[in-house]
C-alpha atoms as a PDB file:
ATOM      1  CA  MET A   1       2.229   5.082  -6.153  1.00  0.00           C
ATOM      2  CA  VAL A   2       5.421   4.932  -4.502  1.00  0.00           C
ATOM      3  CA  MET A   3       7.605   8.001  -4.383  1.00  0.00           C
ATOM      4  CA  ARG A   4      10.613   7.362  -2.912  1.00  0.00           C
ATOM      5  CA  GLY A   5      13.057   4.072  -2.720  1.00  0.00           C
ATOM      6  CA  ASP A   6      14.222   1.587  -4.952  1.00  0.00           C
ATOM      7  CA  PHE A   7      10.066   0.257  -6.424  1.00  0.00           C
ATOM      8  CA  LYS A   8       9.947   4.304  -7.205  1.00  0.00           C
ATOM      9  CA  GLU A   9       7.389   5.136 -10.065  1.00  0.00           C
ATOM     10  CA  GLN A  10       5.504   1.443  -8.990  1.00  0.00           C
ATOM     11  CA  GLU A  11       2.054   1.077  -8.763  1.00  0.00           C
ATOM     12  CA  GLY A  12      -0.280  -0.699  -7.132  1.00  0.00           C
ATOM     13  CA  LYS A  13      -3.312  -2.160  -4.710  1.00  0.00           C
ATOM     14  CA  VAL A  14      -2.138  -2.012  -1.495  1.00  0.00           C
ATOM     15  CA  GLU A  15      -3.593  -5.514  -0.643  1.00  0.00           C
ATOM     16  CA  LYS A  16      -2.421  -5.000   3.180  1.00  0.00           C
ATOM     17  CA  VAL A  17      -1.353  -3.089   6.155  1.00  0.00           C
ATOM     18  CA  ASP A  18       0.639  -3.888   9.085  1.00  0.00           C
ATOM     19  CA  LEU A  19      -0.557  -1.701  12.001  1.00  0.00           C
ATOM     20  CA  LYS A  20       2.103  -3.281  13.903  1.00  0.00           C
ATOM     21  CA  HIS A  21       5.288  -2.224  11.887  1.00  0.00           C
ATOM     22  CA  TYR A  22       3.542   0.851   9.598  1.00  0.00           C
ATOM     23  CA  ARG A  23       3.703  -0.639   6.718  1.00  0.00           C
ATOM     24  CA  LEU A  24       1.776  -0.517   3.818  1.00  0.00           C
ATOM     25  CA  MET A  25       2.350  -4.356   1.229  1.00  0.00           C
ATOM     26  CA  ILE A  26       2.010  -3.442  -1.937  1.00  0.00           C
ATOM     27  CA  ASN A  27       0.562  -5.346  -5.814  1.00  0.00           C
ATOM     28  CA  GLY A  28       4.558  -5.393  -7.823  1.00  0.00           C
ATOM     29  CA  VAL A  29       6.194  -4.292  -5.208  1.00  0.00           C
ATOM     30  CA  SER A  30       7.655  -7.594  -4.482  1.00  0.00           C
ATOM     31  CA  VAL A  31      11.047  -8.933  -4.402  1.00  0.00           C
ATOM     32  CA  GLN A  32      12.158 -12.623  -5.116  1.00  0.00           C
ATOM     33  CA  LYS A  33      13.504 -14.868  -2.441  1.00  0.00           C
ATOM     34  CA  PRO A  34      16.122 -17.744  -2.621  1.00  0.00           C
ATOM     35  CA  ASP A  35      13.483 -20.749  -2.789  1.00  0.00           C
ATOM     36  CA  GLY A  36      11.662 -18.977  -5.433  1.00  0.00           C
ATOM     37  CA  ASN A  37       8.326 -17.559  -3.850  1.00  0.00           C
ATOM     38  CA  GLN A  38       7.398 -13.809  -4.607  1.00  0.00           C
ATOM     39  CA  VAL A  39       6.660 -11.850  -1.321  1.00  0.00           C
ATOM     40  CA  TYR A  40       5.366  -8.069  -0.138  1.00  0.00           C
ATOM     41  CA  HIS A  41       9.232  -6.106   0.275  1.00  0.00           C
ATOM     42  CA  PRO A  42       6.559  -3.579   2.901  1.00  0.00           C
ATOM     43  CA  VAL A  43       6.681   1.029   2.323  1.00  0.00           C
ATOM     44  CA  HIS A  44       6.430   2.942   4.555  1.00  0.00           C
ATOM     45  CA  PRO A  45       3.248   5.296   4.041  1.00  0.00           C
ATOM     46  CA  SER A  46       5.574   8.200   3.870  1.00  0.00           C
ATOM     47  CA  ASN A  47       6.161   7.046   0.364  1.00  0.00           C
ATOM     48  CA  VAL A  48       3.642   6.218  -1.161  1.00  0.00           C
ATOM     49  CA  MET A  49       0.944   8.325  -2.208  1.00  0.00           C
ATOM     50  CA  LEU A  50      -2.788   7.852  -2.736  1.00  0.00           C
ATOM     51  CA  VAL A  51      -3.774   7.450  -6.834  1.00  0.00           C
ATOM     52  CA  GLU A  52      -7.292   6.625  -6.147  1.00  0.00           C
ATOM     53  CA  LEU A  53      -9.385   5.892  -3.154  1.00  0.00           C
ATOM     54  CA  ASP A  54     -11.929   2.846  -2.976  1.00  0.00           C
ATOM     55  CA  LEU A  55     -15.078   4.600  -1.812  1.00  0.00           C
ATOM     56  CA  ASP A  56     -16.953   0.993  -1.717  1.00  0.00           C
ATOM     57  CA  ASP A  57     -16.755   0.589   1.463  1.00  0.00           C
ATOM     58  CA  GLU A  58     -19.627   1.687   3.762  1.00  0.00           C
ATOM     59  CA  GLU A  59     -17.185   2.603   6.902  1.00  0.00           C
ATOM     60  CA  ARG A  60     -15.179   3.818   4.984  1.00  0.00           C
ATOM     61  CA  MET A  61     -17.657   6.488   3.178  1.00  0.00           C
ATOM     62  CA  GLU A  62     -18.480   6.900   6.571  1.00  0.00           C
ATOM     63  CA  ALA A  63     -15.497   8.328   8.165  1.00  0.00           C
ATOM     64  CA  ILE A  64     -15.577  10.885   5.598  1.00  0.00           C
ATOM     65  CA  GLU A  65     -18.313  12.150   6.124  1.00  0.00           C
ATOM     66  CA  ARG A  66     -17.533  12.863   9.906  1.00  0.00           C
ATOM     67  CA  LYS A  67     -14.574  14.330   9.006  1.00  0.00           C
ATOM     68  CA  GLY A  68     -15.460  15.952   6.212  1.00  0.00           C
END
């Protein structure tokens, strides 16, 4: 859920993470370009609250177990 900014209270799945610019691309948070294409609007992680975590990934579960 986006907590701040133009897309406040929008919910969607995190589709892509831009590690170079430290931004999230969230499904449902997009803008329309002049040619009609929809593109993701990058959102800073500090403006996002994770509501649900996908625990089907074995590597993610191992990392959670190591840290916690």
